[in-house]
Amino acid sequence: MASEFKDDYEYVPAEKIDIKDLPPLDPETSKIMKQEFGTGSKLTIFYYIFILSIPILNWYAPEFFFSRLWGGMTYSWFFTSIVAMALAFGIAYIHTYLYEKRLKQYASKNSTDNQERRNVN
């Protein structure tokens, strides 16, 4: 299977790669990766705070969180299942939106850089 693409692509055999042998990232890619890591970290912390707050709220407000919502479902289960899933979808949407926005920003920046280079030459 890999031999099929040998002519079109630079084939790299599967083996261990030492991180010291890799070239450093260019500044733009490094900046993008740092921004992605920051966005992902903030959204992860927000989700963990929500998930870890549920047992704490169960402890301090059991009369509310163990009362029935509908069909036998308690508020605790509602927040743990339904709200947590909606929050996960919301976080995924926010992360994707910010990523695409960042991608457009760098694409437009690169296109203006390319146009400036053309005008200079």
PDB file of N, CA and C in Angstrom:
ATOM      1  N   MET A   1       0.818  -1.186   0.000  1.00  0.00           N
ATOM      2  CA  MET A   1       0.000   0.000   0.000  1.00  0.00           C
ATOM      3  C   MET A   1       0.869   1.259   0.000  1.00  0.00           C
ATOM      4  N   ALA A   2       1.875   1.296   0.850  1.00  0.00           N
ATOM      5  CA  ALA A   2       2.739   2.467   0.883  1.00  0.00           C
ATOM      6  C   ALA A   2       3.567   2.574  -0.386  1.00  0.00           C
ATOM      7  N   SER A   3       3.855   1.457  -1.009  1.00  0.00           N
ATOM      8  CA  SER A   3       4.657   1.491  -2.229  1.00  0.00           C
ATOM      9  C   SER A   3       3.905   2.150  -3.380  1.00  0.00           C
ATOM     10  N   GLU A   4       2.582   2.188  -3.318  1.00  0.00           N
ATOM     11  CA  GLU A   4       1.791   2.829  -4.362  1.00  0.00           C
ATOM     12  C   GLU A   4       2.074   4.328  -4.440  1.00  0.00           C
ATOM     13  N   PHE A   5       2.378   4.942  -3.312  1.00  0.00           N
ATOM     14  CA  PHE A   5       2.568   6.380  -3.243  1.00  0.00           C
ATOM     15  C   PHE A   5       4.036   6.778  -3.258  1.00  0.00           C
ATOM     16  N   LYS A   6       4.904   5.845  -3.504  1.00  0.00           N
ATOM     17  CA  LYS A   6       6.333   6.117  -3.442  1.00  0.00           C
ATOM     18  C   LYS A   6       6.759   7.155  -4.474  1.00  0.00           C
ATOM     19  N   ASP A   7       6.164   7.147  -5.646  1.00  0.00           N
ATOM     20  CA  ASP A   7       6.553   8.094  -6.684  1.00  0.00           C
ATOM     21  C   ASP A   7       5.995   9.496  -6.429  1.00  0.00           C
ATOM     22  N   ASP A   8       4.779   9.573  -5.843  1.00  0.00           N
ATOM     23  CA  ASP A   8       4.137  10.869  -5.650  1.00  0.00           C
ATOM     24  C   ASP A   8       4.581  11.579  -4.388  1.00  0.00           C
ATOM     25  N   TYR A   9       4.924  10.838  -3.385  1.00  0.00           N
ATOM     26  CA  TYR A   9       5.225  11.423  -2.085  1.00  0.00           C
ATOM     27  C   TYR A   9       6.606  10.990  -1.615  1.00  0.00           C
ATOM     28  N   GLU A  10       7.136  11.807  -0.712  1.00  0.00           N
ATOM     29  CA  GLU A  10       8.406  11.434  -0.099  1.00  0.00           C
ATOM     30  C   GLU A  10       8.090  10.416   0.994  1.00  0.00           C
ATOM     31  N   TYR A  11       8.406   9.168   0.739  1.00  0.00           N
ATOM     32  CA  TYR A  11       8.045   8.076   1.636  1.00  0.00           C
ATOM     33  C   TYR A  11       9.014   8.023   2.806  1.00  0.00           C
ATOM     34  N   VAL A  12       8.468   7.942   4.011  1.00  0.00           N
ATOM     35  CA  VAL A  12       9.270   7.817   5.217  1.00  0.00           C
ATOM     36  C   VAL A  12       8.938   6.464   5.837  1.00  0.00           C
ATOM     37  N   PRO A  13       9.916   5.588   5.949  1.00  0.00           N
ATOM     38  CA  PRO A  13       9.624   4.274   6.538  1.00  0.00           C
ATOM     39  C   PRO A  13       9.237   4.409   8.005  1.00  0.00           C
ATOM     40  N   ALA A  14       8.380   3.502   8.452  1.00  0.00           N
ATOM     41  CA  ALA A  14       7.910   3.529   9.832  1.00  0.00           C
ATOM     42  C   ALA A  14       9.016   3.053  10.750  1.00  0.00           C
ATOM     43  N   GLU A  15       9.489   3.943  11.570  1.00  0.00           N
ATOM     44  CA  GLU A  15      10.503   3.624  12.572  1.00  0.00           C
ATOM     45  C   GLU A  15      10.433   4.694  13.643  1.00  0.00           C
ATOM     46  N   LYS A  16      11.205   4.517  14.678  1.00  0.00           N
ATOM     47  CA  LYS A  16      11.222   5.509  15.744  1.00  0.00           C
ATOM     48  C   LYS A  16      11.922   6.770  15.259  1.00  0.00           C
ATOM     49  N   ILE A  17      11.356   7.899  15.638  1.00  0.00           N
ATOM     50  CA  ILE A  17      11.939   9.184  15.284  1.00  0.00           C
ATOM     51  C   ILE A  17      12.335   9.887  16.567  1.00  0.00           C
ATOM     52  N   ASP A  18      13.578  10.296  16.623  1.00  0.00           N
ATOM     53  CA  ASP A  18      14.049  11.033  17.789  1.00  0.00           C
ATOM     54  C   ASP A  18      13.649  12.498  17.622  1.00  0.00           C
ATOM     55  N   ILE A  19      13.090  13.071  18.661  1.00  0.00           N
ATOM     56  CA  ILE A  19      12.612  14.447  18.588  1.00  0.00           C
ATOM     57  C   ILE A  19      13.751  15.420  18.341  1.00  0.00           C
ATOM     58  N   LYS A  20      14.954  15.056  18.728  1.00  0.00           N
ATOM     59  CA  LYS A  20      16.112  15.917  18.516  1.00  0.00           C
ATOM     60  C   LYS A  20      16.459  16.035  17.036  1.00  0.00           C
ATOM     61  N   ASP A  21      16.056  15.047  16.238  1.00  0.00           N
ATOM     62  CA  ASP A  21      16.364  15.051  14.812  1.00  0.00           C
ATOM     63  C   ASP A  21      15.385  15.888  13.990  1.00  0.00           C
ATOM     64  N   LEU A  22      14.267  16.280  14.600  1.00  0.00           N
ATOM     65  CA  LEU A  22      13.266  17.057  13.873  1.00  0.00           C
ATOM     66  C   LEU A  22      13.688  18.517  13.765  1.00  0.00           C
ATOM     67  N   PRO A  23      13.390  19.145  12.643  1.00  0.00           N
ATOM     68  CA  PRO A  23      13.727  20.574  12.527  1.00  0.00           C
ATOM     69  C   PRO A  23      12.776  21.396  13.395  1.00  0.00           C
ATOM     70  N   PRO A  24      13.206  22.553  13.866  1.00  0.00           N
ATOM     71  CA  PRO A  24      12.304  23.377  14.680  1.00  0.00           C
ATOM     72  C   PRO A  24      11.151  23.912  13.836  1.00  0.00           C
ATOM     73  N   LEU A  25      10.040  24.177  14.505  1.00  0.00           N
ATOM     74  CA  LEU A  25       8.869  24.716  13.809  1.00  0.00           C
ATOM     75  C   LEU A  25       9.139  26.146  13.381  1.00  0.00           C
ATOM     76  N   ASP A  26       8.517  26.530  12.281  1.00  0.00           N
ATOM     77  CA  ASP A  26       8.641  27.927  11.888  1.00  0.00           C
ATOM     78  C   ASP A  26       7.829  28.775  12.867  1.00  0.00           C
ATOM     79  N   PRO A  27       8.133  30.057  12.998  1.00  0.00           N
ATOM     80  CA  PRO A  27       7.467  30.900  14.012  1.00  0.00           C
ATOM     81  C   PRO A  27       5.943  30.942  13.885  1.00  0.00           C
ATOM     82  N   GLU A  28       5.435  30.949  12.650  1.00  0.00           N
ATOM     83  CA  GLU A  28       3.982  31.012  12.458  1.00  0.00           C
ATOM     84  C   GLU A  28       3.302  29.756  12.978  1.00  0.00           C
ATOM     85  N   THR A  29       3.835  28.584  12.655  1.00  0.00           N
ATOM     86  CA  THR A  29       3.263  27.323  13.124  1.00  0.00           C
ATOM     87  C   THR A  29       3.367  27.222  14.638  1.00  0.00           C
ATOM     88  N   SER A  30       4.480  27.666  15.175  1.00  0.00           N
ATOM     89  CA  SER A  30       4.656  27.640  16.627  1.00  0.00           C
ATOM     90  C   SER A  30       3.619  28.517  17.320  1.00  0.00           C
ATOM     91  N   LYS A  31       3.358  29.698  16.752  1.00  0.00           N
ATOM     92  CA  LYS A  31       2.357  30.602  17.326  1.00  0.00           C
ATOM     93  C   LYS A  31       0.959  29.985  17.259  1.00  0.00           C
ATOM     94  N   ILE A  32       0.631  29.383  16.116  1.00  0.00           N
ATOM     95  CA  ILE A  32      -0.678  28.735  15.955  1.00  0.00           C
ATOM     96  C   ILE A  32      -0.842  27.607  16.967  1.00  0.00           C
ATOM     97  N   MET A  33       0.201  26.800  17.150  1.00  0.00           N
ATOM     98  CA  MET A  33       0.127  25.670  18.090  1.00  0.00           C
ATOM     99  C   MET A  33      -0.049  26.171  19.525  1.00  0.00           C
ATOM    100  N   LYS A  34       0.641  27.255  19.880  1.00  0.00           N
ATOM    101  CA  LYS A  34       0.492  27.814  21.232  1.00  0.00           C
ATOM    102  C   LYS A  34      -0.919  28.340  21.449  1.00  0.00           C
ATOM    103  N   GLN A  35      -1.474  29.000  20.433  1.00  0.00           N
ATOM    104  CA  GLN A  35      -2.844  29.504  20.558  1.00  0.00           C
ATOM    105  C   GLN A  35      -3.848  28.355  20.665  1.00  0.00           C
ATOM    106  N   GLU A  36      -3.652  27.301  19.885  1.00  0.00           N
ATOM    107  CA  GLU A  36      -4.534  26.135  19.958  1.00  0.00           C
ATOM    108  C   GLU A  36      -4.451  25.473  21.329  1.00  0.00           C
ATOM    109  N   PHE A  37      -3.243  25.350  21.849  1.00  0.00           N
ATOM    110  CA  PHE A  37      -3.068  24.752  23.161  1.00  0.00           C
ATOM    111  C   PHE A  37      -3.746  25.598  24.237  1.00  0.00           C
ATOM    112  N   GLY A  38      -3.626  26.916  24.130  1.00  0.00           N
ATOM    113  CA  GLY A  38      -4.279  27.802  25.098  1.00  0.00           C
ATOM    114  C   GLY A  38      -5.788  27.687  25.051  1.00  0.00           C
ATOM    115  N   THR A  39      -6.339  27.685  23.833  1.00  0.00           N
ATOM    116  CA  THR A  39      -7.787  27.554  23.677  1.00  0.00           C
ATOM    117  C   THR A  39      -8.276  26.219  24.230  1.00  0.00           C
ATOM    118  N   GLY A  40      -7.590  25.142  23.853  1.00  0.00           N
ATOM    119  CA  GLY A  40      -7.984  23.814  24.334  1.00  0.00           C
ATOM    120  C   GLY A  40      -7.875  23.693  25.848  1.00  0.00           C
ATOM    121  N   SER A  41      -6.832  24.272  26.425  1.00  0.00           N
ATOM    122  CA  SER A  41      -6.638  24.209  27.883  1.00  0.00           C
ATOM    123  C   SER A  41      -7.753  24.945  28.613  1.00  0.00           C
ATOM    124  N   LYS A  42      -8.092  26.139  28.136  1.00  0.00           N
ATOM    125  CA  LYS A  42      -9.154  26.922  28.797  1.00  0.00           C
ATOM    126  C   LYS A  42     -10.501  26.206  28.723  1.00  0.00           C
ATOM    127  N   LEU A  43     -10.821  25.658  27.554  1.00  0.00           N
ATOM    128  CA  LEU A  43     -12.094  24.946  27.408  1.00  0.00           C
ATOM    129  C   LEU A  43     -12.124  23.668  28.233  1.00  0.00           C
ATOM    130  N   THR A  44     -10.992  22.987  28.337  1.00  0.00           N
ATOM    131  CA  THR A  44     -10.909  21.775  29.153  1.00  0.00           C
ATOM    132  C   THR A  44     -11.102  22.097  30.625  1.00  0.00           C
ATOM    133  N   ILE A  45     -10.448  23.145  31.093  1.00  0.00           N
ATOM    134  CA  ILE A  45     -10.592  23.544  32.499  1.00  0.00           C
ATOM    135  C   ILE A  45     -12.047  23.916  32.795  1.00  0.00           C
ATOM    136  N   PHE A  46     -12.688  24.635  31.873  1.00  0.00           N
ATOM    137  CA  PHE A  46     -14.091  25.000  32.065  1.00  0.00           C
ATOM    138  C   PHE A  46     -14.972  23.756  32.199  1.00  0.00           C
ATOM    139  N   TYR A  47     -14.743  22.765  31.334  1.00  0.00           N
ATOM    140  CA  TYR A  47     -15.545  21.542  31.384  1.00  0.00           C
ATOM    141  C   TYR A  47     -15.278  20.755  32.674  1.00  0.00           C
ATOM    142  N   TYR A  48     -14.014  20.657  33.074  1.00  0.00           N
ATOM    143  CA  TYR A  48     -13.688  19.938  34.315  1.00  0.00           C
ATOM    144  C   TYR A  48     -14.301  20.617  35.528  1.00  0.00           C
ATOM    145  N   ILE A  49     -14.303  21.935  35.549  1.00  0.00           N
ATOM    146  CA  ILE A  49     -14.936  22.643  36.669  1.00  0.00           C
ATOM    147  C   ILE A  49     -16.419  22.298  36.726  1.00  0.00           C
ATOM    148  N   PHE A  50     -17.082  22.283  35.573  1.00  0.00           N
ATOM    149  CA  PHE A  50     -18.504  21.924  35.546  1.00  0.00           C
ATOM    150  C   PHE A  50     -18.717  20.500  36.061  1.00  0.00           C
ATOM    151  N   ILE A  51     -17.946  19.549  35.528  1.00  0.00           N
ATOM    152  CA  ILE A  51     -18.127  18.141  35.914  1.00  0.00           C
ATOM    153  C   ILE A  51     -17.805  17.924  37.395  1.00  0.00           C
ATOM    154  N   LEU A  52     -16.759  18.546  37.899  1.00  0.00           N
ATOM    155  CA  LEU A  52     -16.385  18.366  39.306  1.00  0.00           C
ATOM    156  C   LEU A  52     -17.298  19.131  40.261  1.00  0.00           C
ATOM    157  N   SER A  53     -18.025  20.121  39.735  1.00  0.00           N
ATOM    158  CA  SER A  53     -18.955  20.846  40.606  1.00  0.00           C
ATOM    159  C   SER A  53     -20.210  20.036  40.907  1.00  0.00           C
ATOM    160  N   ILE A  54     -20.539  19.081  40.072  1.00  0.00           N
ATOM    161  CA  ILE A  54     -21.764  18.296  40.286  1.00  0.00           C
ATOM    162  C   ILE A  54     -21.707  17.498  41.596  1.00  0.00           C
ATOM    163  N   PRO A  55     -20.638  16.735  41.900  1.00  0.00           N
ATOM    164  CA  PRO A  55     -20.610  16.051  43.199  1.00  0.00           C
ATOM    165  C   PRO A  55     -20.586  17.009  44.385  1.00  0.00           C
ATOM    166  N   ILE A  56     -19.944  18.163  44.189  1.00  0.00           N
ATOM    167  CA  ILE A  56     -19.916  19.150  45.275  1.00  0.00           C
ATOM    168  C   ILE A  56     -21.318  19.686  45.520  1.00  0.00           C
ATOM    169  N   LEU A  57     -22.045  19.988  44.447  1.00  0.00           N
ATOM    170  CA  LEU A  57     -23.416  20.460  44.600  1.00  0.00           C
ATOM    171  C   LEU A  57     -24.327  19.358  45.152  1.00  0.00           C
ATOM    172  N   ASN A  58     -24.057  18.114  44.792  1.00  0.00           N
ATOM    173  CA  ASN A  58     -24.812  16.997  45.373  1.00  0.00           C
ATOM    174  C   ASN A  58     -24.623  16.955  46.881  1.00  0.00           C
ATOM    175  N   TRP A  59     -23.438  17.263  47.333  1.00  0.00           N
ATOM    176  CA  TRP A  59     -23.125  17.207  48.766  1.00  0.00           C
ATOM    177  C   TRP A  59     -23.780  18.363  49.520  1.00  0.00           C
ATOM    178  N   TYR A  60     -23.724  19.572  48.931  1.00  0.00           N
ATOM    179  CA  TYR A  60     -24.206  20.746  49.640  1.00  0.00           C
ATOM    180  C   TYR A  60     -25.678  21.070  49.386  1.00  0.00           C
ATOM    181  N   ALA A  61     -26.271  20.544  48.333  1.00  0.00           N
ATOM    182  CA  ALA A  61     -27.686  20.805  48.051  1.00  0.00           C
ATOM    183  C   ALA A  61     -28.391  19.517  47.650  1.00  0.00           C
ATOM    184  N   PRO A  62     -28.373  18.503  48.527  1.00  0.00           N
ATOM    185  CA  PRO A  62     -28.966  17.217  48.140  1.00  0.00           C
ATOM    186  C   PRO A  62     -30.475  17.280  47.942  1.00  0.00           C
ATOM    187  N   GLU A  63     -31.166  18.146  48.686  1.00  0.00           N
ATOM    188  CA  GLU A  63     -32.623  18.200  48.540  1.00  0.00           C
ATOM    189  C   GLU A  63     -33.024  18.686  47.151  1.00  0.00           C
ATOM    190  N   PHE A  64     -32.249  19.561  46.529  1.00  0.00           N
ATOM    191  CA  PHE A  64     -32.552  20.001  45.172  1.00  0.00           C
ATOM    192  C   PHE A  64     -32.047  18.990  44.135  1.00  0.00           C
ATOM    193  N   PHE A  65     -30.790  18.583  44.249  1.00  0.00           N
ATOM    194  CA  PHE A  65     -30.181  17.759  43.214  1.00  0.00           C
ATOM    195  C   PHE A  65     -30.723  16.333  43.165  1.00  0.00           C
ATOM    196  N   PHE A  66     -31.306  15.856  44.254  1.00  0.00           N
ATOM    197  CA  PHE A  66     -31.886  14.509  44.239  1.00  0.00           C
ATOM    198  C   PHE A  66     -33.403  14.536  44.114  1.00  0.00           C
ATOM    199  N   SER A  67     -33.966  15.718  43.877  1.00  0.00           N
ATOM    200  CA  SER A  67     -35.410  15.787  43.624  1.00  0.00           C
ATOM    201  C   SER A  67     -35.666  15.411  42.164  1.00  0.00           C
ATOM    202  N   ARG A  68     -36.881  14.961  41.896  1.00  0.00           N
ATOM    203  CA  ARG A  68     -37.235  14.439  40.576  1.00  0.00           C
ATOM    204  C   ARG A  68     -37.546  15.578  39.604  1.00  0.00           C
ATOM    205  N   LEU A  69     -37.030  15.452  38.408  1.00  0.00           N
ATOM    206  CA  LEU A  69     -37.283  16.428  37.358  1.00  0.00           C
ATOM    207  C   LEU A  69     -38.463  15.961  36.514  1.00  0.00           C
ATOM    208  N   TRP A  70     -38.330  14.867  35.818  1.00  0.00           N
ATOM    209  CA  TRP A  70     -39.419  14.220  35.080  1.00  0.00           C
ATOM    210  C   TRP A  70     -39.022  12.773  34.816  1.00  0.00           C
ATOM    211  N   GLY A  71     -39.990  11.916  34.788  1.00  0.00           N
ATOM    212  CA  GLY A  71     -39.754  10.511  34.496  1.00  0.00           C
ATOM    213  C   GLY A  71     -38.792   9.818  35.448  1.00  0.00           C
ATOM    214  N   GLY A  72     -38.660  10.299  36.629  1.00  0.00           N
ATOM    215  CA  GLY A  72     -37.755   9.680  37.585  1.00  0.00           C
ATOM    216  C   GLY A  72     -36.326  10.204  37.518  1.00  0.00           C
ATOM    217  N   MET A  73     -36.023  11.072  36.547  1.00  0.00           N
ATOM    218  CA  MET A  73     -34.666  11.621  36.431  1.00  0.00           C
ATOM    219  C   MET A  73     -34.467  12.730  37.460  1.00  0.00           C
ATOM    220  N   THR A  74     -33.372  12.655  38.175  1.00  0.00           N
ATOM    221  CA  THR A  74     -33.064  13.697  39.144  1.00  0.00           C
ATOM    222  C   THR A  74     -32.314  14.834  38.464  1.00  0.00           C
ATOM    223  N   TYR A  75     -32.254  15.961  39.145  1.00  0.00           N
ATOM    224  CA  TYR A  75     -31.497  17.089  38.614  1.00  0.00           C
ATOM    225  C   TYR A  75     -30.017  16.746  38.480  1.00  0.00           C
ATOM    226  N   SER A  76     -29.520  15.951  39.392  1.00  0.00           N
ATOM    227  CA  SER A  76     -28.120  15.542  39.329  1.00  0.00           C
ATOM    228  C   SER A  76     -27.826  14.773  38.043  1.00  0.00           C
ATOM    229  N   TRP A  77     -28.685  13.820  37.714  1.00  0.00           N
ATOM    230  CA  TRP A  77     -28.502  13.066  36.476  1.00  0.00           C
ATOM    231  C   TRP A  77     -28.724  13.941  35.249  1.00  0.00           C
ATOM    232  N   PHE A  78     -29.654  14.869  35.350  1.00  0.00           N
ATOM    233  CA  PHE A  78     -29.905  15.777  34.238  1.00  0.00           C
ATOM    234  C   PHE A  78     -28.655  16.604  33.927  1.00  0.00           C
ATOM    235  N   PHE A  79     -28.039  17.172  34.957  1.00  0.00           N
ATOM    236  CA  PHE A  79     -26.831  17.961  34.743  1.00  0.00           C
ATOM    237  C   PHE A  79     -25.660  17.091  34.304  1.00  0.00           C
ATOM    238  N   THR A  80     -25.575  15.866  34.857  1.00  0.00           N
ATOM    239  CA  THR A  80     -24.467  14.979  34.510  1.00  0.00           C
ATOM    240  C   THR A  80     -24.582  14.461  33.080  1.00  0.00           C
ATOM    241  N   SER A  81     -25.790  14.219  32.614  1.00  0.00           N
ATOM    242  CA  SER A  81     -25.937  13.627  31.281  1.00  0.00           C
ATOM    243  C   SER A  81     -26.306  14.660  30.215  1.00  0.00           C
ATOM    244  N   ILE A  82     -27.461  15.239  30.321  1.00  0.00           N
ATOM    245  CA  ILE A  82     -27.984  16.103  29.261  1.00  0.00           C
ATOM    246  C   ILE A  82     -27.180  17.404  29.160  1.00  0.00           C
ATOM    247  N   VAL A  83     -27.011  18.097  30.252  1.00  0.00           N
ATOM    248  CA  VAL A  83     -26.311  19.383  30.219  1.00  0.00           C
ATOM    249  C   VAL A  83     -24.833  19.177  29.895  1.00  0.00           C
ATOM    250  N   ALA A  84     -24.223  18.130  30.428  1.00  0.00           N
ATOM    251  CA  ALA A  84     -22.812  17.870  30.132  1.00  0.00           C
ATOM    252  C   ALA A  84     -22.607  17.558  28.652  1.00  0.00           C
ATOM    253  N   MET A  85     -23.529  16.830  28.036  1.00  0.00           N
ATOM    254  CA  MET A  85     -23.417  16.531  26.604  1.00  0.00           C
ATOM    255  C   MET A  85     -23.601  17.801  25.782  1.00  0.00           C
ATOM    256  N   ALA A  86     -24.575  18.621  26.138  1.00  0.00           N
ATOM    257  CA  ALA A  86     -24.779  19.888  25.429  1.00  0.00           C
ATOM    258  C   ALA A  86     -23.558  20.789  25.589  1.00  0.00           C
ATOM    259  N   LEU A  87     -22.975  20.785  26.771  1.00  0.00           N
ATOM    260  CA  LEU A  87     -21.773  21.568  27.020  1.00  0.00           C
ATOM    261  C   LEU A  87     -20.600  21.054  26.183  1.00  0.00           C
ATOM    262  N   ALA A  88     -20.481  19.747  26.052  1.00  0.00           N
ATOM    263  CA  ALA A  88     -19.409  19.170  25.225  1.00  0.00           C
ATOM    264  C   ALA A  88     -19.581  19.582  23.763  1.00  0.00           C
ATOM    265  N   PHE A  89     -20.818  19.554  23.251  1.00  0.00           N
ATOM    266  CA  PHE A  89     -21.060  20.001  21.886  1.00  0.00           C
ATOM    267  C   PHE A  89     -20.762  21.495  21.742  1.00  0.00           C
ATOM    268  N   GLY A  90     -21.152  22.270  22.732  1.00  0.00           N
ATOM    269  CA  GLY A  90     -20.871  23.708  22.709  1.00  0.00           C
ATOM    270  C   GLY A  90     -19.383  24.002  22.715  1.00  0.00           C
ATOM    271  N   ILE A  91     -18.642  23.274  23.533  1.00  0.00           N
ATOM    272  CA  ILE A  91     -17.189  23.455  23.600  1.00  0.00           C
ATOM    273  C   ILE A  91     -16.552  23.066  22.271  1.00  0.00           C
ATOM    274  N   ALA A  92     -17.013  21.979  21.673  1.00  0.00           N
ATOM    275  CA  ALA A  92     -16.482  21.567  20.367  1.00  0.00           C
ATOM    276  C   ALA A  92     -16.774  22.625  19.314  1.00  0.00           C
ATOM    277  N   TYR A  93     -17.967  23.206  19.346  1.00  0.00           N
ATOM    278  CA  TYR A  93     -18.322  24.257  18.393  1.00  0.00           C
ATOM    279  C   TYR A  93     -17.440  25.486  18.590  1.00  0.00           C
ATOM    280  N   ILE A  94     -17.258  25.896  19.840  1.00  0.00           N
ATOM    281  CA  ILE A  94     -16.427  27.071  20.130  1.00  0.00           C
ATOM    282  C   ILE A  94     -14.997  26.838  19.660  1.00  0.00           C
ATOM    283  N   HIS A  95     -14.456  25.659  19.952  1.00  0.00           N
ATOM    284  CA  HIS A  95     -13.078  25.363  19.555  1.00  0.00           C
ATOM    285  C   HIS A  95     -12.945  25.354  18.035  1.00  0.00           C
ATOM    286  N   THR A  96     -13.894  24.762  17.331  1.00  0.00           N
ATOM    287  CA  THR A  96     -13.857  24.723  15.876  1.00  0.00           C
ATOM    288  C   THR A  96     -14.013  26.124  15.286  1.00  0.00           C
ATOM    289  N   TYR A  97     -14.917  26.914  15.856  1.00  0.00           N
ATOM    290  CA  TYR A  97     -15.125  28.282  15.383  1.00  0.00           C
ATOM    291  C   TYR A  97     -13.852  29.110  15.537  1.00  0.00           C
ATOM    292  N   LEU A  98     -13.215  29.030  16.713  1.00  0.00           N
ATOM    293  CA  LEU A  98     -11.993  29.793  16.947  1.00  0.00           C
ATOM    294  C   LEU A  98     -10.859  29.316  16.050  1.00  0.00           C
ATOM    295  N   TYR A  99     -10.801  28.008  15.803  1.00  0.00           N
ATOM    296  CA  TYR A  99      -9.767  27.468  14.924  1.00  0.00           C
ATOM    297  C   TYR A  99      -9.951  27.981  13.492  1.00  0.00           C
ATOM    298  N   GLU A 100     -11.179  27.941  13.000  1.00  0.00           N
ATOM    299  CA  GLU A 100     -11.441  28.410  11.638  1.00  0.00           C
ATOM    300  C   GLU A 100     -11.190  29.908  11.516  1.00  0.00           C
ATOM    301  N   LYS A 101     -11.536  30.661  12.543  1.00  0.00           N
ATOM    302  CA  LYS A 101     -11.278  32.100  12.546  1.00  0.00           C
ATOM    303  C   LYS A 101      -9.778  32.365  12.482  1.00  0.00           C
ATOM    304  N   ARG A 102      -9.018  31.616  13.267  1.00  0.00           N
ATOM    305  CA  ARG A 102      -7.563  31.750  13.271  1.00  0.00           C
ATOM    306  C   ARG A 102      -6.983  31.344  11.913  1.00  0.00           C
ATOM    307  N   LEU A 103      -7.539  30.307  11.326  1.00  0.00           N
ATOM    308  CA  LEU A 103      -7.086  29.837  10.025  1.00  0.00           C
ATOM    309  C   LEU A 103      -7.311  30.899   8.948  1.00  0.00           C
ATOM    310  N   LYS A 104      -8.482  31.538   8.960  1.00  0.00           N
ATOM    311  CA  LYS A 104      -8.769  32.609   8.003  1.00  0.00           C
ATOM    312  C   LYS A 104      -7.829  33.791   8.211  1.00  0.00           C
ATOM    313  N   GLN A 105      -7.541  34.089   9.475  1.00  0.00           N
ATOM    314  CA  GLN A 105      -6.647  35.205   9.791  1.00  0.00           C
ATOM    315  C   GLN A 105      -5.262  34.962   9.190  1.00  0.00           C
ATOM    316  N   TYR A 106      -4.726  33.764   9.358  1.00  0.00           N
ATOM    317  CA  TYR A 106      -3.398  33.473   8.837  1.00  0.00           C
ATOM    318  C   TYR A 106      -3.416  33.308   7.322  1.00  0.00           C
ATOM    319  N   ALA A 107      -4.513  32.823   6.762  1.00  0.00           N
ATOM    320  CA  ALA A 107      -4.603  32.699   5.310  1.00  0.00           C
ATOM    321  C   ALA A 107      -4.627  34.074   4.660  1.00  0.00           C
ATOM    322  N   SER A 108      -5.393  35.006   5.233  1.00  0.00           N
ATOM    323  CA  SER A 108      -5.433  36.359   4.670  1.00  0.00           C
ATOM    324  C   SER A 108      -4.099  37.059   4.864  1.00  0.00           C
ATOM    325  N   LYS A 109      -3.443  36.814   5.979  1.00  0.00           N
ATOM    326  CA  LYS A 109      -2.132  37.406   6.230  1.00  0.00           C
ATOM    327  C   LYS A 109      -1.112  36.883   5.216  1.00  0.00           C
ATOM    328  N   ASN A 110      -1.151  35.582   4.946  1.00  0.00           N
ATOM    329  CA  ASN A 110      -0.226  35.000   3.979  1.00  0.00           C
ATOM    330  C   ASN A 110      -0.508  35.487   2.570  1.00  0.00           C
ATOM    331  N   SER A 111      -1.769  35.684   2.218  1.00  0.00           N
ATOM    332  CA  SER A 111      -2.083  36.160   0.871  1.00  0.00           C
ATOM    333  C   SER A 111      -1.596  37.593   0.688  1.00  0.00           C
ATOM    334  N   THR A 112      -1.693  38.436   1.723  1.00  0.00           N
ATOM    335  CA  THR A 112      -1.177  39.800   1.602  1.00  0.00           C
ATOM    336  C   THR A 112       0.341  39.791   1.563  1.00  0.00           C
ATOM    337  N   ASP A 113       0.975  38.879   2.309  1.00  0.00           N
ATOM    338  CA  ASP A 113       2.431  38.766   2.252  1.00  0.00           C
ATOM    339  C   ASP A 113       2.881  38.353   0.866  1.00  0.00           C
ATOM    340  N   ASN A 114       2.154  37.408   0.240  1.00  0.00           N
ATOM    341  CA  ASN A 114       2.494  36.969  -1.108  1.00  0.00           C
ATOM    342  C   ASN A 114       2.303  38.089  -2.118  1.00  0.00           C
ATOM    343  N   GLN A 115       1.254  38.903  -1.946  1.00  0.00           N
ATOM    344  CA  GLN A 115       1.029  40.011  -2.857  1.00  0.00           C
ATOM    345  C   GLN A 115       2.118  41.069  -2.712  1.00  0.00           C
ATOM    346  N   GLU A 116       2.555  41.322  -1.476  1.00  0.00           N
ATOM    347  CA  GLU A 116       3.635  42.286  -1.255  1.00  0.00           C
ATOM    348  C   GLU A 116       4.916  41.806  -1.890  1.00  0.00           C
ATOM    349  N   ARG A 117       5.193  40.530  -1.813  1.00  0.00           N
ATOM    350  CA  ARG A 117       6.394  39.981  -2.432  1.00  0.00           C
ATOM    351  C   ARG A 117       6.327  40.132  -3.954  1.00  0.00           C
ATOM    352  N   ARG A 118       5.153  39.937  -4.515  1.00  0.00           N
ATOM    353  CA  ARG A 118       5.005  40.088  -5.963  1.00  0.00           C
ATOM    354  C   ARG A 118       5.227  41.543  -6.385  1.00  0.00           C
ATOM    355  N   ASN A 119       4.718  42.478  -5.576  1.00  0.00           N
ATOM    356  CA  ASN A 119       4.867  43.889  -5.916  1.00  0.00           C
ATOM    357  C   ASN A 119       6.310  44.359  -5.797  1.00  0.00           C
ATOM    358  N   VAL A 120       7.050  43.791  -4.858  1.00  0.00           N
ATOM    359  CA  VAL A 120       8.434  44.190  -4.667  1.00  0.00           C
ATOM    360  C   VAL A 120       9.277  43.733  -5.837  1.00  0.00           C
ATOM    361  N   ASN A 121       9.047  42.534  -6.304  1.00  0.00           N
ATOM    362  CA  ASN A 121       9.840  41.999  -7.425  1.00  0.00           C
ATOM    363  C   ASN A 121       9.350  42.613  -8.663  1.00  0.00           C
TER     364      ASN A 121
END
